[in-house]
Protein backbone atom coordinates (compact mmCIF):
# COMPACT_ATOMS: atom_id res chain seq x y z
CA UNK A 1 105.88 88.89 146.52
CA UNK A 2 104.50 87.95 143.09
CA UNK A 3 104.17 90.75 140.57
CA UNK A 4 100.53 91.72 140.03
CA UNK A 5 99.05 92.21 136.58
CA UNK A 6 98.10 95.87 136.09
CA UNK A 7 97.14 96.02 132.39
CA UNK A 8 94.97 94.02 130.05
CA UNK A 9 94.36 93.69 126.32
CA UNK A 10 90.76 92.83 125.45
CA UNK A 11 90.08 91.85 121.84
CA UNK A 12 86.73 92.47 120.18
CA UNK A 13 86.13 88.69 120.02
CA UNK A 14 86.08 88.66 123.83
CA UNK A 15 89.53 87.14 124.38
CA UNK A 16 91.70 88.81 127.02
CA UNK A 17 95.44 88.96 127.70
CA UNK A 18 96.80 90.11 131.07
CA UNK A 19 100.14 91.88 131.33
CA UNK A 20 102.20 94.67 132.85
CA UNK A 21 102.38 98.33 131.89
CA UNK A 22 105.39 100.17 130.49
CA UNK A 23 105.54 103.46 128.65
CA UNK A 24 102.46 105.68 128.96
CA UNK A 25 99.56 104.41 131.10
CA UNK A 26 96.82 105.51 128.71
CA UNK A 27 93.78 103.47 127.68
CA UNK A 28 93.58 102.97 123.91
CA UNK A 29 91.19 101.34 121.44
CA UNK A 30 93.24 100.19 118.44
CA UNK A 31 93.51 97.90 115.46
CA UNK A 32 95.82 95.11 116.66
CA UNK A 33 98.44 93.88 114.14
CA UNK A 34 101.71 91.95 114.35
CA UNK A 35 105.25 92.51 113.07
CA UNK A 36 107.73 89.64 112.56
CA UNK A 37 110.97 91.69 112.52
CA UNK A 38 113.68 90.41 114.85
CA UNK A 39 115.23 93.87 115.35
CA UNK A 40 114.37 97.48 114.72
CA UNK A 41 111.70 98.16 117.34
CA UNK A 42 112.66 101.86 117.40
CA UNK A 43 112.06 102.21 113.67
CA UNK A 44 108.76 100.36 114.01
CA UNK A 45 107.52 102.55 116.87
CA UNK A 46 108.48 105.72 114.97
CA UNK A 47 107.01 104.62 111.60
CA UNK A 48 103.98 106.90 110.91
CA UNK A 49 102.32 104.07 108.96
CA UNK A 50 101.43 102.50 112.35
CA UNK A 51 99.26 105.46 113.38
CA UNK A 52 96.28 104.30 115.50
CA UNK A 53 97.54 100.66 115.51
CA UNK A 54 98.72 98.45 118.34
CA UNK A 55 101.73 96.43 117.18
CA UNK A 56 102.42 92.95 118.54
CA UNK A 57 106.15 92.18 118.37
CA UNK A 58 106.56 88.48 117.60
CA UNK A 59 110.25 88.62 118.58
CA UNK A 60 110.17 87.75 122.29
CA UNK A 61 112.61 90.31 123.80
CA UNK A 62 112.14 94.03 123.20
CA UNK A 63 114.01 97.03 124.64
CA UNK A 64 117.42 95.41 125.13
CA UNK A 65 119.39 97.99 123.11
CA UNK A 66 117.49 101.09 124.22
CA UNK A 67 116.67 104.19 122.17
CA UNK A 68 118.83 106.76 120.36
CA UNK A 69 117.85 109.89 118.43
CA UNK A 70 119.54 108.83 115.16
CA UNK A 71 117.30 105.83 114.41
CA UNK A 72 113.93 107.59 114.56
CA UNK A 73 111.78 107.50 111.43
CA UNK A 74 109.76 110.54 112.46
CA UNK A 75 110.17 113.32 115.01
CA UNK A 76 106.85 112.63 116.77
CA UNK A 77 105.83 108.93 116.80
CA UNK A 78 102.09 108.21 116.43
CA UNK A 79 102.03 104.47 117.09
CA UNK A 80 98.91 103.41 118.99
CA UNK A 81 100.58 100.95 121.38
CA UNK A 82 103.39 98.39 121.65
CA UNK A 83 102.57 94.83 122.78
CA UNK A 84 105.47 92.54 123.73
CA UNK A 85 106.25 89.28 125.45
CA UNK A 86 109.23 90.45 127.52
CA UNK A 87 110.36 94.05 127.97
CA UNK A 88 113.97 94.80 128.99
CA UNK A 89 114.33 98.02 130.98
CA UNK A 90 118.14 97.78 131.33
CA UNK A 91 119.48 98.29 127.79
CA UNK A 92 123.08 97.45 126.94
CA UNK A 93 124.29 99.41 123.91
CA UNK A 94 126.85 102.20 123.52
CA UNK A 95 124.37 104.21 121.41
CA UNK A 96 121.53 104.00 123.92
CA UNK A 97 120.37 107.38 125.30
CA UNK A 98 117.22 106.28 127.17
CA UNK A 99 115.04 103.25 127.75
CA UNK A 100 112.19 102.29 125.45
CA UNK A 101 109.72 102.80 128.30
CA UNK A 102 110.99 106.34 128.94
CA UNK A 103 110.65 107.19 125.26
CA UNK A 104 107.15 105.74 124.98
CA UNK A 105 106.08 107.71 128.04
CA UNK A 106 107.43 110.92 126.50
CA UNK A 107 105.48 110.19 123.31
CA UNK A 108 102.26 109.21 125.12
CA UNK A 109 102.36 105.66 123.74
CA UNK A 110 101.21 102.81 126.02
CA UNK A 111 103.04 99.51 126.21
CA UNK A 112 102.00 96.15 127.64
CA UNK A 113 104.37 93.26 128.34
CA UNK A 114 104.12 89.76 129.71
CA UNK A 115 101.38 88.47 127.44
CA UNK A 116 101.51 85.39 125.22
CA UNK A 117 102.41 87.12 121.95
CA UNK A 118 102.64 83.76 120.13
CA UNK A 119 99.01 83.01 120.91
CA UNK A 120 97.92 86.54 119.98
CA UNK A 121 99.85 86.54 116.68
CA UNK A 122 98.36 83.16 115.73
CA UNK A 123 94.90 84.50 116.51
CA UNK A 124 95.45 87.51 114.24
CA UNK A 125 96.87 85.27 111.51
CA UNK A 126 93.95 82.85 111.71
CA UNK A 127 91.06 85.27 112.22
CA UNK A 128 92.41 88.56 110.88
CA UNK A 129 93.32 91.96 112.31
CA UNK A 130 90.67 93.38 114.60
CA UNK A 131 90.09 95.93 117.31
CA UNK A 132 91.27 95.66 120.87
CA UNK A 133 91.51 97.85 123.95
CA UNK A 134 94.52 98.25 126.23
CA UNK A 135 93.14 99.12 129.63
CA UNK A 136 93.44 98.51 133.36
CA UNK A 137 93.57 94.89 134.53
CA UNK A 138 90.40 95.37 136.59
CA UNK A 139 88.21 96.30 133.60
CA UNK A 140 85.77 93.49 132.76
CA UNK A 141 85.49 91.95 129.31
CA UNK A 142 81.92 93.27 129.05
CA UNK A 143 83.00 96.82 129.86
CA UNK A 144 85.98 96.57 127.50
CA UNK A 145 83.78 95.41 124.62
CA UNK A 146 81.39 98.29 125.30
CA UNK A 147 84.25 100.81 125.12
CA UNK A 148 85.47 99.24 121.86
CA UNK A 149 81.97 99.42 120.33
CA UNK A 150 81.45 103.12 121.11
CA UNK A 151 84.88 104.22 119.81
CA UNK A 152 84.46 105.50 116.23
CA UNK A 153 86.83 104.40 113.49
CA UNK A 154 89.19 107.24 112.58
CA UNK A 155 89.61 108.26 108.95
CA UNK A 156 92.09 111.11 109.52
CA UNK A 157 95.31 109.11 109.78
CA UNK A 158 97.16 110.80 106.91
CA UNK A 159 96.10 114.32 107.90
CA UNK A 160 97.28 113.52 111.44
CA UNK A 161 100.85 112.70 110.37
CA UNK A 162 101.39 114.88 107.27
CA UNK A 163 103.43 118.07 107.51
CA UNK A 164 101.40 121.28 107.65
CA UNK A 165 103.83 123.31 105.53
CA UNK A 166 106.60 122.53 102.99
CA UNK A 167 110.15 122.01 104.22
CA UNK A 168 113.48 121.10 102.62
CA UNK A 169 115.67 118.04 103.22
CA UNK A 170 118.88 119.09 101.42
CA UNK A 171 121.53 116.97 99.73
CA UNK A 172 125.24 117.71 100.20
CA UNK A 173 125.85 118.00 96.45
CA UNK A 174 122.38 118.46 94.89
CA UNK A 175 121.78 117.44 91.29
CA UNK A 176 118.00 116.96 91.27
CA UNK A 177 114.93 118.53 92.85
CA UNK A 178 112.31 116.11 94.17
CA UNK A 179 108.85 117.04 95.39
CA UNK A 180 107.81 114.52 98.08
CA UNK A 181 104.19 114.24 99.16
CA UNK A 182 104.10 113.54 102.88
CA UNK A 183 101.45 111.00 103.84
CA UNK A 184 103.60 109.87 106.78
CA UNK A 185 107.04 109.85 105.18
CA UNK A 186 109.88 107.94 106.89
CA UNK A 187 113.10 109.85 107.41
CA UNK A 188 115.22 107.09 105.88
CA UNK A 189 113.43 107.70 102.56
CA UNK A 190 114.70 111.28 102.67
CA UNK A 191 118.19 110.11 103.61
CA UNK A 192 118.13 107.61 100.73
CA UNK A 193 117.23 110.34 98.24
CA UNK A 194 119.60 112.93 99.73
CA UNK A 195 122.64 110.66 99.45
CA UNK A 196 121.84 110.21 95.74
CA UNK A 197 122.06 113.96 95.13
CA UNK A 198 118.38 114.86 95.54
CA UNK A 199 117.21 118.00 97.29
CA UNK A 200 113.81 116.92 98.63
CA UNK A 201 111.04 119.43 99.33
CA UNK A 202 108.43 117.75 101.53
CA UNK A 203 104.86 118.92 100.88
CA UNK A 204 101.59 118.41 102.79
CA UNK A 205 99.41 115.58 101.45
CA UNK A 206 96.74 118.00 100.15
CA UNK A 207 99.11 120.18 98.09
CA UNK A 208 97.56 121.03 94.68
CA UNK A 209 99.31 120.19 91.42
CA UNK A 210 99.70 123.90 90.62
CA UNK A 211 101.98 124.38 93.64
CA UNK A 212 104.09 121.35 92.71
CA UNK A 213 104.43 122.57 89.11
CA UNK A 214 105.51 126.01 90.33
CA UNK A 215 108.53 124.36 91.98
CA UNK A 216 109.52 122.75 88.64
CA UNK A 217 110.79 119.52 90.24
CA UNK A 218 112.70 116.83 88.37
CA UNK A 219 110.59 114.11 89.99
CA UNK A 220 107.58 113.48 92.23
CA UNK A 221 107.71 111.06 95.17
CA UNK A 222 104.66 109.65 96.98
CA UNK A 223 105.35 108.42 100.50
CA UNK A 224 104.22 105.62 102.74
CA UNK A 225 101.52 106.34 105.31
CA UNK A 226 98.67 104.97 107.42
CA UNK A 227 95.05 104.14 106.68
CA UNK A 228 92.92 103.30 103.66
CA UNK A 229 94.28 104.69 100.37
CA UNK A 230 90.79 105.53 99.05
CA UNK A 231 90.51 108.15 101.81
CA UNK A 232 93.49 110.13 100.47
CA UNK A 233 91.73 111.70 97.49
CA UNK A 234 93.99 114.81 97.20
CA UNK A 235 97.01 112.61 96.37
CA UNK A 236 95.04 110.42 93.95
CA UNK A 237 93.94 113.56 92.10
CA UNK A 238 97.52 114.89 92.14
CA UNK A 239 98.80 111.72 90.43
CA UNK A 240 96.13 112.05 87.72
CA UNK A 241 97.35 115.57 86.94
CA UNK A 242 101.11 114.94 87.20
CA UNK A 243 101.54 111.52 85.52
CA UNK A 244 103.37 111.77 82.23
CA UNK A 245 104.85 115.20 83.06
CA UNK A 246 107.72 114.15 85.34
CA UNK A 247 108.94 110.80 86.77
CA UNK A 248 106.76 109.58 89.65
CA UNK A 249 107.86 107.06 92.30
CA UNK A 250 105.55 105.70 95.01
CA UNK A 251 106.23 103.52 98.06
CA UNK A 252 103.60 101.58 100.06
CA UNK A 253 100.58 103.92 100.40
CA UNK A 254 102.04 105.85 97.46
CA UNK A 255 101.96 102.62 95.42
CA UNK A 256 98.29 102.09 96.27
CA UNK A 257 97.33 105.67 95.40
CA UNK A 258 99.07 105.41 92.02
CA UNK A 259 97.00 102.29 91.31
CA UNK A 260 93.79 104.09 92.26
CA UNK A 261 94.71 107.11 90.11
CA UNK A 262 94.99 104.83 87.08
CA UNK A 263 91.62 103.20 87.76
CA UNK A 264 92.70 100.03 89.58
CA UNK A 265 91.23 98.96 92.93
CA UNK A 266 92.58 98.19 96.40
CA UNK A 267 91.34 95.93 99.20
CA UNK A 268 92.16 95.23 102.83
CA UNK A 269 94.27 92.16 103.58
CA UNK A 270 93.19 89.68 106.25
CA UNK A 271 96.10 90.53 108.56
CA UNK A 272 98.47 92.57 106.41
CA UNK A 273 102.21 92.23 105.79
CA UNK A 274 104.55 93.52 108.50
CA UNK A 275 108.15 92.40 108.93
CA UNK A 276 111.62 92.40 107.45
CA UNK A 277 111.68 89.01 105.74
CA UNK A 278 109.07 88.98 102.94
CA UNK A 279 110.24 87.48 99.61
CA UNK A 280 109.24 89.46 96.51
CA UNK A 281 109.97 88.45 92.91
CA UNK A 282 110.98 91.12 90.41
CA UNK A 283 109.19 89.99 87.23
CA UNK A 284 111.41 92.21 85.07
CA UNK A 285 114.69 90.57 86.20
CA UNK A 286 113.57 87.25 87.67
CA UNK A 287 115.41 88.05 90.91
CA UNK A 288 113.94 87.54 94.37
CA UNK A 289 114.37 90.31 96.94
CA UNK A 290 113.94 89.96 100.69
CA UNK A 291 111.93 93.00 101.66
CA UNK A 292 110.72 95.10 104.56
CA UNK A 293 106.93 95.51 104.63
CA UNK A 294 104.21 97.31 106.55
CA UNK A 295 100.75 97.55 105.02
CA UNK A 296 97.13 96.57 105.56
CA UNK A 297 95.93 97.15 102.00
CA UNK A 298 96.94 95.74 98.61
CA UNK A 299 96.25 96.42 94.94
CA UNK A 300 93.70 94.10 93.34
CA UNK A 301 95.57 92.26 90.57
CA UNK A 302 92.34 91.54 88.66
CA UNK A 303 91.70 95.30 88.34
CA UNK A 304 94.97 96.13 86.54
CA UNK A 305 93.93 95.19 82.99
CA UNK A 306 93.05 98.22 80.89
CA UNK A 307 94.57 100.76 83.28
CA UNK A 308 97.89 101.20 81.45
CA UNK A 309 99.75 99.75 84.42
CA UNK A 310 101.98 96.66 84.39
CA UNK A 311 102.68 94.42 87.38
CA UNK A 312 106.44 94.35 88.00
CA UNK A 313 106.75 92.61 91.40
CA UNK A 314 104.76 89.92 93.24
CA UNK A 315 104.83 88.62 96.80
CA UNK A 316 105.95 84.98 96.83
CA UNK A 317 104.04 84.22 100.03
CA UNK A 318 100.56 85.06 98.79
CA UNK A 319 100.88 86.33 95.20
CA UNK A 320 99.81 89.89 95.99
CA UNK A 321 100.90 92.82 93.81
CA UNK A 322 104.17 94.33 95.07
CA UNK A 323 105.15 96.58 92.16
CA UNK A 324 103.61 98.51 89.26
CA UNK A 325 104.77 100.72 86.42
CA UNK A 326 103.51 102.73 83.49
CA UNK A 327 106.58 102.99 81.29
CA UNK A 328 104.94 105.50 78.96
CA UNK A 329 104.23 107.95 81.77
CA UNK A 330 107.46 107.38 83.71
CA UNK A 331 105.52 106.16 86.76
CA UNK A 332 106.52 103.24 89.00
CA UNK A 333 105.81 102.04 92.52
CA UNK A 334 106.41 99.27 95.04
CA UNK A 335 104.32 98.05 97.93
CA UNK A 336 107.34 97.30 100.12
CA UNK A 337 110.02 99.55 101.65
CA UNK A 338 113.32 99.93 99.75
CA UNK A 339 114.55 102.33 102.45
CA UNK A 340 114.29 99.27 104.76
CA UNK A 341 114.23 100.69 108.26
CA UNK A 342 114.25 98.13 109.73
CA UNK A 343 114.97 95.43 107.20
CA UNK A 344 117.30 94.14 104.47
CA UNK A 345 118.87 96.34 101.81
CA UNK A 346 118.08 94.30 98.69
CA UNK A 347 115.85 96.98 97.15
CA UNK A 348 117.93 100.16 97.32
CA UNK A 349 118.31 100.02 93.53
CA UNK A 350 114.80 101.47 93.21
CA UNK A 351 116.06 104.88 94.35
CA UNK A 352 118.82 104.62 91.73
CA UNK A 353 116.15 103.81 89.14
CA UNK A 354 114.22 106.95 90.11
CA UNK A 355 117.39 109.07 89.77
CA UNK A 356 118.11 107.60 86.30
CA UNK A 357 114.60 108.49 85.18
CA UNK A 358 115.06 112.09 86.34
CA UNK A 359 118.43 112.24 84.59
CA UNK A 360 116.81 111.16 81.29
CA UNK A 361 113.90 113.58 81.69
């Protein structure tokens, strides 16, 4: 007997994609985006930067190596949904502890498989990221569009994923104290700092500068995270007060908030950058790095003049700003992910650069 479709993705342009459920069976209205990574679905699902988003995996087979506790990028994943071409429910890997579907169900994250992800990714590329609803296969397009239209856009992404109280990620042989602002921080960022001798105290996103100064850290780190950077005013104000006092390093959303704190502007990209194969040129060295990326917003290059910031990295695919610095203030940032989970390891030197700045402080 032929397998019957039981789930459907309806896009706000009226297009529909039938498929089969795995993971949680919840209905969700989401921003639909795509990721071009060929591996690392566990890191993608557990990346807090995907909060409230439905991710289309362009790699055709997902789930084949299962799930293990060591590769998570957060304790409680907040991905909106996972959309795949073919889901494998019989993983073959010595590290596997459970199936992807079991894990998604535990986390309350819906999955849909069996759809034409090539067609969907091309649609997003051509017409931009937009809303969609994952629902039952018997819901009409008209009803789906109605449910999309009455679902309000959420502005609380960072507050949803940020820690509610400070906590310590200790190094084995600590040499430096880093204050990390949690806007949705990935665990591999903490591991990358810990292995370089940094005790990292993770603070809520709305922590005032006075509390950070009381700790007397050697450096301030601003994390990745979901949503529009202009909504995260507490961190923008924190950068304004802390710049020039101690070294500051920002990644992804942290990069955007540093730009805003200096008076530059940000804008939303047509379909964003998500994947593990984006070429970025380091303008200071002339070298090209292959980078891991996940962002919807970018810094407006035309708004940099007069801010005191200097562009240090550019994306070779579309020319967008991928790195900034203010040498005088000891502030630098990148739009991509040097902790690379998943992704290449070309950019790990940026953590070394941060440590050198703290050493010179």
